[in-house]
Amino acid sequence: MYYIRKFYRLLRVLYYKMARQYSWLISSFKFYLNGVKYHRDFVGFGIPILDINMQGTFSIGRRFWFNSGKYHAMGGRQQQCYFVVAKGGELSIGDNVGVTSVAFICHNKISIGNNVKIGINTVIYDTDFHSLDARMRNSYPERLDGVKTKPVIIRDGAFIGGHSTILKGVTIGKNSIVGAGSVVFEDIPDEQVWAGNPARYVRDNFVYATTA
């Protein structure tokens, strides 16, 4: 039984090495077809979904790491990474950023700094998708001219826990932490921990910054 398990572990290692190379090739091709500006040193497990408008932009910094799909995102509620940029949208990801099974929907601007970590199943929306005016929302065909969008900015070193929702107009400060499952609709200052639905201040994060 011991040798069977060892052989099984060896097969798993080989599978993940092959999957990593396959993911890199297919993801690179999809990035190229969608006009994404990226560096060849990214690491991808699984294939992301991309929908980048020709009048939108998507740029990725160095050492980008993503896990995408049910076989590569071992955190529950697995899904593929989903990157959408609408006409006029600007989605930018800095250096040394890691994400798992995320969805970034950009109609205005989403800016993610360096050294940011974003947990599984987190979504970032810079748009309301529908008008908040019921008369526009309930019209047929639905009127979208009143839909509001605002930029989302995530500064360097931020850590967003899994299953969180980041809404339009939010800035998350440098080295701040968002607890898992949070819904964030207001700005979070630098070096703070916030959590909950809606997200609220928990404590300062200076102690972690000084001992890291």
N, C-alpha and C. Protein backbone atom coordinates (compact mmCIF):
# COMPACT_ATOMS: atom_id res chain seq x y z
N MET A 1 0.83 -1.20 0.00
CA MET A 1 0.00 0.00 0.00
C MET A 1 0.87 1.26 0.00
N TYR A 2 1.97 1.21 0.71
CA TYR A 2 2.86 2.36 0.80
C TYR A 2 3.38 2.75 -0.58
N TYR A 3 3.82 1.75 -1.37
CA TYR A 3 4.38 2.03 -2.68
C TYR A 3 3.31 2.48 -3.67
N ILE A 4 2.10 1.99 -3.49
CA ILE A 4 1.00 2.45 -4.34
C ILE A 4 0.75 3.93 -4.10
N ARG A 5 0.75 4.32 -2.83
CA ARG A 5 0.54 5.73 -2.50
C ARG A 5 1.69 6.59 -3.01
N LYS A 6 2.92 6.09 -2.91
CA LYS A 6 4.07 6.84 -3.42
C LYS A 6 3.95 7.03 -4.93
N PHE A 7 3.53 5.97 -5.62
CA PHE A 7 3.36 6.06 -7.06
C PHE A 7 2.26 7.05 -7.41
N TYR A 8 1.19 7.02 -6.64
CA TYR A 8 0.08 7.96 -6.87
C TYR A 8 0.55 9.40 -6.67
N ARG A 9 1.34 9.63 -5.63
CA ARG A 9 1.85 10.98 -5.39
C ARG A 9 2.76 11.43 -6.54
N LEU A 10 3.55 10.51 -7.06
CA LEU A 10 4.42 10.84 -8.18
C LEU A 10 3.60 11.24 -9.41
N LEU A 11 2.52 10.50 -9.66
CA LEU A 11 1.64 10.83 -10.78
C LEU A 11 1.03 12.22 -10.61
N ARG A 12 0.66 12.56 -9.37
CA ARG A 12 0.09 13.88 -9.11
C ARG A 12 1.10 14.99 -9.40
N VAL A 13 2.35 14.77 -8.98
CA VAL A 13 3.39 15.76 -9.23
C VAL A 13 3.59 15.96 -10.72
N LEU A 14 3.64 14.86 -11.47
CA LEU A 14 3.81 14.95 -12.91
C LEU A 14 2.62 15.65 -13.57
N TYR A 15 1.43 15.33 -13.08
CA TYR A 15 0.22 15.96 -13.63
C TYR A 15 0.27 17.47 -13.44
N TYR A 16 0.62 17.92 -12.24
CA TYR A 16 0.62 19.36 -11.97
C TYR A 16 1.72 20.08 -12.75
N LYS A 17 2.84 19.42 -12.98
CA LYS A 17 3.88 20.04 -13.81
C LYS A 17 3.40 20.20 -15.24
N MET A 18 2.74 19.16 -15.77
CA MET A 18 2.21 19.24 -17.13
C MET A 18 1.08 20.26 -17.21
N ALA A 19 0.21 20.27 -16.18
CA ALA A 19 -0.91 21.21 -16.18
C ALA A 19 -0.42 22.65 -16.14
N ARG A 20 0.65 22.88 -15.41
CA ARG A 20 1.21 24.24 -15.32
C ARG A 20 1.69 24.70 -16.70
N GLN A 21 2.40 23.82 -17.42
CA GLN A 21 2.88 24.20 -18.75
C GLN A 21 1.73 24.40 -19.73
N TYR A 22 0.75 23.52 -19.67
CA TYR A 22 -0.42 23.65 -20.55
C TYR A 22 -1.17 24.94 -20.25
N SER A 23 -1.37 25.22 -18.96
CA SER A 23 -2.08 26.44 -18.56
C SER A 23 -1.34 27.68 -19.06
N TRP A 24 -0.01 27.66 -18.95
CA TRP A 24 0.78 28.81 -19.39
C TRP A 24 0.61 29.04 -20.88
N LEU A 25 0.67 27.98 -21.67
CA LEU A 25 0.57 28.12 -23.12
C LEU A 25 -0.80 28.65 -23.54
N ILE A 26 -1.86 28.04 -23.03
CA ILE A 26 -3.21 28.45 -23.42
C ILE A 26 -3.52 29.85 -22.91
N SER A 27 -3.12 30.14 -21.66
CA SER A 27 -3.38 31.47 -21.10
C SER A 27 -2.62 32.55 -21.88
N SER A 28 -1.37 32.27 -22.25
CA SER A 28 -0.60 33.23 -23.04
C SER A 28 -1.30 33.52 -24.36
N PHE A 29 -1.81 32.49 -25.00
CA PHE A 29 -2.51 32.66 -26.27
C PHE A 29 -3.77 33.51 -26.08
N LYS A 30 -4.51 33.25 -25.00
CA LYS A 30 -5.72 34.03 -24.74
C LYS A 30 -5.38 35.48 -24.40
N PHE A 31 -4.32 35.69 -23.62
CA PHE A 31 -3.87 37.06 -23.33
C PHE A 31 -3.55 37.79 -24.64
N TYR A 32 -2.83 37.12 -25.51
CA TYR A 32 -2.43 37.73 -26.78
C TYR A 32 -3.65 38.09 -27.62
N LEU A 33 -4.60 37.17 -27.75
CA LEU A 33 -5.78 37.41 -28.56
C LEU A 33 -6.64 38.54 -28.01
N ASN A 34 -6.59 38.74 -26.69
CA ASN A 34 -7.40 39.79 -26.06
C ASN A 34 -6.64 41.10 -25.88
N GLY A 35 -5.43 41.18 -26.41
CA GLY A 35 -4.67 42.42 -26.33
C GLY A 35 -4.15 42.76 -24.95
N VAL A 36 -3.98 41.75 -24.11
CA VAL A 36 -3.50 41.98 -22.74
C VAL A 36 -1.99 42.25 -22.76
N LYS A 37 -1.56 43.24 -22.01
CA LYS A 37 -0.13 43.51 -21.83
C LYS A 37 0.34 42.71 -20.61
N TYR A 38 1.21 41.73 -20.83
CA TYR A 38 1.61 40.84 -19.75
C TYR A 38 3.08 40.48 -19.89
N HIS A 39 3.63 39.89 -18.82
CA HIS A 39 5.00 39.42 -18.83
C HIS A 39 5.01 37.89 -18.85
N ARG A 40 6.02 37.32 -19.45
CA ARG A 40 6.07 35.87 -19.65
C ARG A 40 6.41 35.10 -18.38
N ASP A 41 6.69 35.81 -17.27
CA ASP A 41 7.05 35.12 -16.04
C ASP A 41 5.84 34.81 -15.15
N PHE A 42 4.62 34.93 -15.68
CA PHE A 42 3.44 34.61 -14.87
C PHE A 42 3.34 33.10 -14.66
N VAL A 43 2.65 32.72 -13.59
CA VAL A 43 2.40 31.31 -13.29
C VAL A 43 0.89 31.12 -13.21
N GLY A 44 0.37 30.21 -14.03
CA GLY A 44 -1.06 29.98 -14.03
C GLY A 44 -1.39 28.51 -13.88
N PHE A 45 -2.33 28.22 -13.00
CA PHE A 45 -2.88 26.87 -12.88
C PHE A 45 -4.34 26.93 -13.28
N GLY A 46 -4.68 26.35 -14.42
CA GLY A 46 -6.02 26.48 -14.96
C GLY A 46 -6.08 27.60 -15.99
N ILE A 47 -7.22 27.69 -16.67
CA ILE A 47 -7.39 28.64 -17.77
C ILE A 47 -8.38 29.72 -17.36
N PRO A 48 -8.02 30.99 -17.46
CA PRO A 48 -8.96 32.07 -17.13
C PRO A 48 -9.93 32.34 -18.28
N ILE A 49 -11.05 32.96 -17.95
CA ILE A 49 -11.99 33.46 -18.94
C ILE A 49 -11.72 34.95 -19.13
N LEU A 50 -11.58 35.39 -20.37
CA LEU A 50 -11.32 36.80 -20.65
C LEU A 50 -12.33 37.34 -21.65
N ASP A 51 -12.79 38.56 -21.38
CA ASP A 51 -13.66 39.27 -22.31
C ASP A 51 -13.23 40.74 -22.29
N ILE A 52 -12.27 41.08 -23.14
CA ILE A 52 -11.66 42.40 -23.13
C ILE A 52 -12.10 43.16 -24.38
N ASN A 53 -12.85 44.22 -24.17
CA ASN A 53 -13.29 45.05 -25.29
C ASN A 53 -12.08 45.66 -26.01
N MET A 54 -12.18 45.81 -27.32
CA MET A 54 -11.05 46.35 -28.09
C MET A 54 -10.75 47.79 -27.73
N GLN A 55 -11.70 48.47 -27.09
CA GLN A 55 -11.47 49.84 -26.63
C GLN A 55 -11.26 49.90 -25.12
N GLY A 56 -10.94 48.76 -24.52
CA GLY A 56 -10.56 48.69 -23.12
C GLY A 56 -9.12 48.22 -23.01
N THR A 57 -8.53 48.32 -21.81
CA THR A 57 -7.14 47.90 -21.61
C THR A 57 -7.03 47.00 -20.39
N PHE A 58 -6.12 46.01 -20.50
CA PHE A 58 -5.84 45.09 -19.40
C PHE A 58 -4.33 44.88 -19.38
N SER A 59 -3.69 45.25 -18.28
CA SER A 59 -2.25 45.09 -18.14
C SER A 59 -1.92 44.32 -16.87
N ILE A 60 -0.90 43.47 -16.95
CA ILE A 60 -0.50 42.60 -15.84
C ILE A 60 0.99 42.78 -15.60
N GLY A 61 1.37 42.97 -14.33
CA GLY A 61 2.77 43.15 -13.97
C GLY A 61 3.52 41.83 -13.90
N ARG A 62 4.71 41.89 -13.38
CA ARG A 62 5.59 40.72 -13.31
C ARG A 62 5.16 39.76 -12.19
N ARG A 63 5.48 38.49 -12.42
CA ARG A 63 5.28 37.41 -11.44
C ARG A 63 3.82 37.29 -11.01
N PHE A 64 2.91 37.46 -11.93
CA PHE A 64 1.49 37.26 -11.65
C PHE A 64 1.22 35.78 -11.45
N TRP A 65 0.45 35.45 -10.42
CA TRP A 65 0.13 34.05 -10.10
C TRP A 65 -1.38 33.92 -9.98
N PHE A 66 -1.96 32.97 -10.72
CA PHE A 66 -3.40 32.76 -10.58
C PHE A 66 -3.73 31.27 -10.56
N ASN A 67 -4.76 30.93 -9.78
CA ASN A 67 -5.35 29.60 -9.76
C ASN A 67 -6.76 29.72 -10.30
N SER A 68 -7.11 28.88 -11.26
CA SER A 68 -8.38 29.03 -11.96
C SER A 68 -9.00 27.67 -12.22
N GLY A 69 -10.24 27.46 -11.75
CA GLY A 69 -10.95 26.22 -12.05
C GLY A 69 -10.95 25.23 -10.91
N LYS A 70 -11.84 24.25 -11.02
CA LYS A 70 -12.11 23.34 -9.90
C LYS A 70 -10.94 22.43 -9.57
N TYR A 71 -10.01 22.20 -10.49
CA TYR A 71 -8.89 21.32 -10.21
C TYR A 71 -7.67 22.05 -9.67
N HIS A 72 -7.73 23.37 -9.64
CA HIS A 72 -6.55 24.14 -9.26
C HIS A 72 -6.81 25.16 -8.16
N ALA A 73 -8.04 25.31 -7.75
CA ALA A 73 -8.39 26.28 -6.70
C ALA A 73 -8.98 25.52 -5.53
N MET A 74 -8.12 25.04 -4.66
CA MET A 74 -8.55 24.15 -3.59
C MET A 74 -8.97 24.93 -2.35
N GLY A 75 -10.05 25.71 -2.50
CA GLY A 75 -10.53 26.48 -1.36
C GLY A 75 -12.04 26.46 -1.23
N GLY A 76 -12.71 25.63 -2.01
CA GLY A 76 -14.16 25.60 -1.98
C GLY A 76 -14.76 26.61 -2.94
N ARG A 77 -15.92 26.28 -3.52
CA ARG A 77 -16.60 27.14 -4.49
C ARG A 77 -15.68 27.50 -5.66
N GLN A 78 -15.04 26.50 -6.19
CA GLN A 78 -14.07 26.74 -7.26
C GLN A 78 -14.75 27.24 -8.53
N GLN A 79 -14.12 28.18 -9.16
CA GLN A 79 -14.57 28.66 -10.46
C GLN A 79 -13.35 29.13 -11.24
N GLN A 80 -13.52 29.35 -12.52
CA GLN A 80 -12.44 29.93 -13.30
C GLN A 80 -12.28 31.41 -12.97
N CYS A 81 -11.06 31.91 -13.09
CA CYS A 81 -10.85 33.35 -13.01
C CYS A 81 -11.56 34.02 -14.19
N TYR A 82 -12.16 35.17 -13.93
CA TYR A 82 -13.00 35.83 -14.91
C TYR A 82 -12.60 37.30 -14.98
N PHE A 83 -12.03 37.71 -16.10
CA PHE A 83 -11.58 39.09 -16.28
C PHE A 83 -12.38 39.73 -17.42
N VAL A 84 -13.16 40.77 -17.08
CA VAL A 84 -14.00 41.44 -18.07
C VAL A 84 -13.65 42.93 -18.07
N VAL A 85 -13.38 43.47 -19.24
CA VAL A 85 -13.13 44.90 -19.40
C VAL A 85 -14.05 45.42 -20.50
N ALA A 86 -14.93 46.34 -20.14
CA ALA A 86 -15.88 46.91 -21.10
C ALA A 86 -15.22 48.05 -21.87
N LYS A 87 -15.95 48.60 -22.81
CA LYS A 87 -15.47 49.72 -23.62
C LYS A 87 -15.04 50.88 -22.72
N GLY A 88 -13.80 51.33 -22.88
CA GLY A 88 -13.27 52.44 -22.09
C GLY A 88 -12.75 52.04 -20.72
N GLY A 89 -12.86 50.76 -20.35
CA GLY A 89 -12.40 50.30 -19.05
C GLY A 89 -10.89 50.13 -18.99
N GLU A 90 -10.33 50.27 -17.78
CA GLU A 90 -8.90 50.11 -17.56
C GLU A 90 -8.67 49.19 -16.36
N LEU A 91 -8.20 47.99 -16.62
CA LEU A 91 -7.88 47.02 -15.57
C LEU A 91 -6.37 46.85 -15.53
N SER A 92 -5.77 47.14 -14.38
CA SER A 92 -4.31 47.00 -14.25
C SER A 92 -3.98 46.23 -12.98
N ILE A 93 -3.04 45.31 -13.11
CA ILE A 93 -2.58 44.47 -12.00
C ILE A 93 -1.08 44.66 -11.88
N GLY A 94 -0.60 44.95 -10.67
CA GLY A 94 0.81 45.24 -10.45
C GLY A 94 1.68 44.00 -10.39
N ASP A 95 2.90 44.17 -9.86
CA ASP A 95 3.86 43.08 -9.76
C ASP A 95 3.58 42.20 -8.54
N ASN A 96 3.91 40.92 -8.69
CA ASN A 96 3.85 39.97 -7.57
C ASN A 96 2.46 39.90 -6.95
N VAL A 97 1.45 39.79 -7.79
CA VAL A 97 0.06 39.68 -7.34
C VAL A 97 -0.40 38.24 -7.50
N GLY A 98 -1.12 37.73 -6.49
CA GLY A 98 -1.67 36.38 -6.55
C GLY A 98 -3.17 36.39 -6.34
N VAL A 99 -3.90 35.63 -7.18
CA VAL A 99 -5.36 35.57 -7.09
C VAL A 99 -5.81 34.13 -7.31
N THR A 100 -6.99 33.82 -6.76
CA THR A 100 -7.57 32.49 -6.93
C THR A 100 -9.06 32.61 -7.22
N SER A 101 -9.47 32.10 -8.37
CA SER A 101 -10.90 32.02 -8.74
C SER A 101 -11.62 33.35 -8.56
N VAL A 102 -11.01 34.43 -9.00
CA VAL A 102 -11.59 35.77 -8.83
C VAL A 102 -12.40 36.17 -10.05
N ALA A 103 -13.22 37.21 -9.88
CA ALA A 103 -13.92 37.84 -11.00
C ALA A 103 -13.72 39.34 -10.89
N PHE A 104 -13.10 39.93 -11.89
CA PHE A 104 -12.90 41.37 -11.97
C PHE A 104 -13.73 41.90 -13.14
N ILE A 105 -14.74 42.70 -12.84
CA ILE A 105 -15.62 43.26 -13.86
C ILE A 105 -15.36 44.76 -13.92
N CYS A 106 -14.74 45.21 -15.00
CA CYS A 106 -14.25 46.58 -15.11
C CYS A 106 -14.97 47.33 -16.23
N HIS A 107 -15.79 48.32 -15.84
CA HIS A 107 -16.43 49.22 -16.80
C HIS A 107 -15.82 50.61 -16.74
N ASN A 108 -15.05 50.88 -15.69
CA ASN A 108 -14.44 52.19 -15.50
C ASN A 108 -12.93 52.02 -15.29
N LYS A 109 -12.54 51.72 -14.05
CA LYS A 109 -11.13 51.50 -13.76
C LYS A 109 -10.98 50.65 -12.51
N ILE A 110 -10.18 49.59 -12.62
CA ILE A 110 -9.77 48.79 -11.47
C ILE A 110 -8.25 48.76 -11.46
N SER A 111 -7.65 49.25 -10.38
CA SER A 111 -6.20 49.33 -10.27
C SER A 111 -5.75 48.54 -9.05
N ILE A 112 -4.94 47.52 -9.26
CA ILE A 112 -4.44 46.66 -8.19
C ILE A 112 -2.93 46.85 -8.11
N GLY A 113 -2.44 47.22 -6.93
CA GLY A 113 -1.03 47.54 -6.76
C GLY A 113 -0.13 46.33 -6.70
N ASN A 114 1.08 46.53 -6.22
CA ASN A 114 2.07 45.45 -6.11
C ASN A 114 1.88 44.65 -4.83
N ASN A 115 2.27 43.38 -4.88
CA ASN A 115 2.30 42.51 -3.69
C ASN A 115 0.92 42.35 -3.05
N VAL A 116 -0.10 42.33 -3.87
CA VAL A 116 -1.47 42.16 -3.38
C VAL A 116 -1.86 40.68 -3.48
N LYS A 117 -2.57 40.19 -2.46
CA LYS A 117 -3.08 38.82 -2.47
C LYS A 117 -4.61 38.88 -2.36
N ILE A 118 -5.29 38.16 -3.25
CA ILE A 118 -6.75 38.19 -3.29
C ILE A 118 -7.26 36.75 -3.24
N GLY A 119 -8.04 36.44 -2.19
CA GLY A 119 -8.47 35.08 -1.92
C GLY A 119 -9.55 34.56 -2.85
N ILE A 120 -9.81 33.28 -2.70
CA ILE A 120 -10.70 32.56 -3.60
C ILE A 120 -12.11 33.14 -3.64
N ASN A 121 -12.65 33.19 -4.86
CA ASN A 121 -14.05 33.57 -5.10
C ASN A 121 -14.34 35.03 -4.79
N THR A 122 -13.31 35.85 -4.67
CA THR A 122 -13.53 37.29 -4.47
C THR A 122 -13.93 37.95 -5.78
N VAL A 123 -14.85 38.91 -5.69
CA VAL A 123 -15.29 39.64 -6.88
C VAL A 123 -15.05 41.13 -6.67
N ILE A 124 -14.66 41.82 -7.73
CA ILE A 124 -14.47 43.27 -7.72
C ILE A 124 -15.31 43.86 -8.84
N TYR A 125 -16.23 44.74 -8.47
CA TYR A 125 -17.12 45.38 -9.43
C TYR A 125 -16.93 46.90 -9.35
N ASP A 126 -16.66 47.55 -10.47
CA ASP A 126 -16.62 49.01 -10.47
C ASP A 126 -17.88 49.62 -11.08
N THR A 127 -18.93 48.82 -11.19
CA THR A 127 -20.18 49.25 -11.80
C THR A 127 -21.37 48.70 -11.02
N ASP A 128 -22.52 49.39 -11.14
CA ASP A 128 -23.76 48.88 -10.55
C ASP A 128 -24.46 47.88 -11.47
N PHE A 129 -24.02 47.75 -12.70
CA PHE A 129 -24.60 46.87 -13.72
C PHE A 129 -25.96 47.35 -14.22
N HIS A 130 -26.84 47.77 -13.29
CA HIS A 130 -28.18 48.25 -13.63
C HIS A 130 -28.39 49.62 -12.99
N SER A 131 -29.30 50.39 -13.55
CA SER A 131 -29.65 51.69 -12.96
C SER A 131 -30.36 51.48 -11.63
N LEU A 132 -30.10 52.38 -10.68
CA LEU A 132 -30.82 52.34 -9.40
C LEU A 132 -32.18 53.00 -9.51
N ASP A 133 -32.45 53.65 -10.62
CA ASP A 133 -33.76 54.24 -10.90
C ASP A 133 -34.67 53.15 -11.47
N ALA A 134 -35.70 52.79 -10.73
CA ALA A 134 -36.57 51.69 -11.13
C ALA A 134 -37.20 51.92 -12.50
N ARG A 135 -37.48 53.17 -12.84
CA ARG A 135 -38.10 53.45 -14.14
C ARG A 135 -37.17 53.08 -15.28
N MET A 136 -35.88 53.33 -15.12
CA MET A 136 -34.91 52.93 -16.14
C MET A 136 -34.68 51.42 -16.11
N ARG A 137 -34.59 50.89 -14.90
CA ARG A 137 -34.29 49.47 -14.75
C ARG A 137 -35.41 48.58 -15.28
N ASN A 138 -36.65 49.06 -15.14
CA ASN A 138 -37.81 48.25 -15.52
C ASN A 138 -38.30 48.54 -16.93
N SER A 139 -37.65 49.45 -17.63
CA SER A 139 -38.06 49.76 -19.00
C SER A 139 -37.68 48.61 -19.93
N TYR A 140 -38.34 48.57 -21.08
CA TYR A 140 -38.02 47.53 -22.06
C TYR A 140 -37.84 48.16 -23.43
N PRO A 141 -36.67 48.02 -24.04
CA PRO A 141 -35.47 47.41 -23.45
C PRO A 141 -34.92 48.23 -22.29
N GLU A 142 -34.21 47.57 -21.41
CA GLU A 142 -33.71 48.26 -20.22
C GLU A 142 -32.76 49.39 -20.59
N ARG A 143 -32.96 50.55 -19.95
CA ARG A 143 -32.08 51.69 -20.18
C ARG A 143 -30.85 51.59 -19.27
N LEU A 144 -29.69 51.68 -19.88
CA LEU A 144 -28.44 51.56 -19.14
C LEU A 144 -27.67 52.87 -19.05
N ASP A 145 -28.26 53.96 -19.57
CA ASP A 145 -27.54 55.23 -19.56
C ASP A 145 -27.39 55.82 -18.16
N GLY A 146 -28.17 55.34 -17.20
CA GLY A 146 -28.06 55.86 -15.84
C GLY A 146 -27.23 55.00 -14.91
N VAL A 147 -26.58 53.97 -15.46
CA VAL A 147 -25.78 53.07 -14.62
C VAL A 147 -24.52 53.80 -14.15
N LYS A 148 -24.26 53.74 -12.84
CA LYS A 148 -23.12 54.45 -12.26
C LYS A 148 -21.89 53.54 -12.19
N THR A 149 -20.73 54.12 -12.48
CA THR A 149 -19.45 53.43 -12.33
C THR A 149 -18.48 54.34 -11.60
N LYS A 150 -17.60 53.75 -10.79
CA LYS A 150 -16.55 54.50 -10.10
C LYS A 150 -15.32 53.61 -9.99
N PRO A 151 -14.12 54.20 -10.02
CA PRO A 151 -12.89 53.40 -9.96
C PRO A 151 -12.75 52.65 -8.63
N VAL A 152 -12.10 51.49 -8.70
CA VAL A 152 -11.70 50.72 -7.53
C VAL A 152 -10.18 50.69 -7.50
N ILE A 153 -9.61 51.05 -6.34
CA ILE A 153 -8.16 51.08 -6.20
C ILE A 153 -7.75 50.22 -5.01
N ILE A 154 -6.87 49.26 -5.25
CA ILE A 154 -6.33 48.41 -4.18
C ILE A 154 -4.83 48.68 -4.12
N ARG A 155 -4.39 49.23 -3.01
CA ARG A 155 -3.00 49.69 -2.92
C ARG A 155 -2.04 48.56 -2.55
N ASP A 156 -0.75 48.85 -2.65
CA ASP A 156 0.30 47.86 -2.45
C ASP A 156 0.15 47.12 -1.13
N GLY A 157 0.39 45.81 -1.18
CA GLY A 157 0.45 45.02 0.03
C GLY A 157 -0.87 44.64 0.65
N ALA A 158 -1.97 45.00 0.04
CA ALA A 158 -3.28 44.65 0.61
C ALA A 158 -3.52 43.15 0.49
N PHE A 159 -4.32 42.63 1.43
CA PHE A 159 -4.67 41.20 1.45
C PHE A 159 -6.19 41.11 1.61
N ILE A 160 -6.85 40.54 0.61
CA ILE A 160 -8.31 40.42 0.62
C ILE A 160 -8.67 38.96 0.80
N GLY A 161 -9.38 38.66 1.89
CA GLY A 161 -9.77 37.29 2.19
C GLY A 161 -10.79 36.75 1.19
N GLY A 162 -10.88 35.42 1.14
CA GLY A 162 -11.74 34.76 0.18
C GLY A 162 -13.21 35.12 0.32
N HIS A 163 -13.94 34.99 -0.79
CA HIS A 163 -15.39 35.18 -0.84
C HIS A 163 -15.81 36.61 -0.48
N SER A 164 -14.94 37.57 -0.71
CA SER A 164 -15.26 38.97 -0.44
C SER A 164 -15.80 39.64 -1.70
N THR A 165 -16.55 40.74 -1.48
CA THR A 165 -17.09 41.53 -2.57
C THR A 165 -16.62 42.97 -2.41
N ILE A 166 -15.94 43.49 -3.42
CA ILE A 166 -15.44 44.87 -3.41
C ILE A 166 -16.27 45.66 -4.42
N LEU A 167 -16.96 46.69 -3.95
CA LEU A 167 -17.90 47.42 -4.80
C LEU A 167 -17.29 48.72 -5.33
N LYS A 168 -17.98 49.34 -6.25
CA LYS A 168 -17.49 50.50 -6.98
C LYS A 168 -17.10 51.64 -6.04
N GLY A 169 -16.09 52.41 -6.45
CA GLY A 169 -15.69 53.61 -5.72
C GLY A 169 -14.83 53.37 -4.50
N VAL A 170 -14.43 52.11 -4.25
CA VAL A 170 -13.70 51.77 -3.03
C VAL A 170 -12.19 51.89 -3.26
N THR A 171 -11.49 52.41 -2.24
CA THR A 171 -10.04 52.35 -2.18
C THR A 171 -9.64 51.56 -0.95
N ILE A 172 -8.84 50.52 -1.13
CA ILE A 172 -8.33 49.72 -0.02
C ILE A 172 -6.87 50.10 0.19
N GLY A 173 -6.55 50.54 1.39
CA GLY A 173 -5.25 51.14 1.67
C GLY A 173 -4.09 50.17 1.68
N LYS A 174 -2.90 50.74 1.71
CA LYS A 174 -1.66 49.99 1.70
C LYS A 174 -1.56 49.06 2.91
N ASN A 175 -1.24 47.78 2.65
CA ASN A 175 -1.03 46.76 3.68
C ASN A 175 -2.27 46.47 4.52
N SER A 176 -3.43 46.91 4.08
CA SER A 176 -4.65 46.62 4.83
C SER A 176 -5.15 45.21 4.53
N ILE A 177 -6.00 44.71 5.44
CA ILE A 177 -6.54 43.36 5.33
C ILE A 177 -8.06 43.42 5.33
N VAL A 178 -8.67 42.68 4.42
CA VAL A 178 -10.12 42.53 4.37
C VAL A 178 -10.45 41.10 4.75
N GLY A 179 -11.23 40.92 5.82
CA GLY A 179 -11.57 39.59 6.30
C GLY A 179 -12.41 38.81 5.30
N ALA A 180 -12.33 37.49 5.37
CA ALA A 180 -13.06 36.63 4.44
C ALA A 180 -14.55 36.89 4.51
N GLY A 181 -15.20 36.88 3.35
CA GLY A 181 -16.64 37.03 3.28
C GLY A 181 -17.14 38.45 3.46
N SER A 182 -16.26 39.43 3.40
CA SER A 182 -16.66 40.82 3.62
C SER A 182 -17.29 41.43 2.38
N VAL A 183 -18.15 42.43 2.61
CA VAL A 183 -18.70 43.25 1.54
C VAL A 183 -18.22 44.68 1.79
N VAL A 184 -17.38 45.19 0.90
CA VAL A 184 -16.73 46.49 1.11
C VAL A 184 -17.34 47.51 0.16
N PHE A 185 -17.91 48.59 0.73
CA PHE A 185 -18.48 49.64 -0.11
C PHE A 185 -17.99 51.03 0.29
N GLU A 186 -17.03 51.10 1.23
CA GLU A 186 -16.42 52.37 1.59
C GLU A 186 -14.92 52.20 1.72
N ASP A 187 -14.19 53.31 1.68
CA ASP A 187 -12.73 53.27 1.68
C ASP A 187 -12.18 52.68 2.97
N ILE A 188 -11.08 51.94 2.83
CA ILE A 188 -10.35 51.40 3.98
C ILE A 188 -8.99 52.08 4.02
N PRO A 189 -8.64 52.76 5.12
CA PRO A 189 -7.35 53.44 5.20
C PRO A 189 -6.17 52.45 5.20
N ASP A 190 -4.97 52.98 5.08
CA ASP A 190 -3.76 52.16 5.14
C ASP A 190 -3.65 51.46 6.49
N GLU A 191 -3.06 50.26 6.46
CA GLU A 191 -2.65 49.55 7.68
C GLU A 191 -3.81 49.29 8.64
N GLN A 192 -4.95 48.88 8.12
CA GLN A 192 -6.09 48.54 8.98
C GLN A 192 -6.67 47.19 8.58
N VAL A 193 -7.36 46.56 9.55
CA VAL A 193 -8.09 45.31 9.31
C VAL A 193 -9.58 45.61 9.37
N TRP A 194 -10.29 45.24 8.32
CA TRP A 194 -11.74 45.40 8.26
C TRP A 194 -12.37 44.06 7.93
N ALA A 195 -13.60 43.85 8.42
CA ALA A 195 -14.30 42.60 8.13
C ALA A 195 -15.79 42.78 8.33
N GLY A 196 -16.57 41.89 7.71
CA GLY A 196 -18.01 41.87 7.94
C GLY A 196 -18.83 42.30 6.74
N ASN A 197 -20.14 42.21 6.91
CA ASN A 197 -21.10 42.64 5.88
C ASN A 197 -22.15 43.53 6.53
N PRO A 198 -22.01 44.86 6.34
CA PRO A 198 -20.94 45.54 5.59
C PRO A 198 -19.63 45.54 6.36
N ALA A 199 -18.52 45.69 5.63
CA ALA A 199 -17.21 45.67 6.27
C ALA A 199 -17.06 46.85 7.22
N ARG A 200 -16.51 46.56 8.41
CA ARG A 200 -16.29 47.57 9.43
C ARG A 200 -14.88 47.44 9.99
N TYR A 201 -14.39 48.53 10.57
CA TYR A 201 -13.06 48.56 11.17
C TYR A 201 -12.97 47.54 12.30
N VAL A 202 -11.87 46.77 12.33
CA VAL A 202 -11.63 45.80 13.40
C VAL A 202 -10.47 46.25 14.28
N ARG A 203 -9.34 46.54 13.67
CA ARG A 203 -8.17 47.01 14.42
C ARG A 203 -7.12 47.54 13.45
N ASP A 204 -6.11 48.20 14.01
CA ASP A 204 -4.98 48.63 13.19
C ASP A 204 -4.10 47.44 12.86
N ASN A 205 -3.32 47.58 11.81
CA ASN A 205 -2.47 46.50 11.34
C ASN A 205 -0.99 46.83 11.49
N PHE A 206 -0.66 47.86 12.27
CA PHE A 206 0.72 48.30 12.39
C PHE A 206 1.62 47.21 12.99
N VAL A 207 1.11 46.43 13.94
CA VAL A 207 1.92 45.43 14.61
C VAL A 207 2.46 44.42 13.61
N TYR A 208 1.63 44.06 12.62
CA TYR A 208 2.07 43.11 11.61
C TYR A 208 3.09 43.75 10.67
N ALA A 209 2.89 45.02 10.38
CA ALA A 209 3.80 45.72 9.47
C ALA A 209 5.19 45.85 10.08
N THR A 210 5.27 46.07 11.40
CA THR A 210 6.56 46.31 12.04
C THR A 210 7.31 45.02 12.33
N THR A 211 6.60 43.88 12.41
CA THR A 211 7.26 42.63 12.73
C THR A 211 7.49 41.76 11.51
N ALA A 212 6.93 42.17 10.35
CA ALA A 212 7.07 41.35 9.14
C ALA A 212 8.51 41.37 8.63
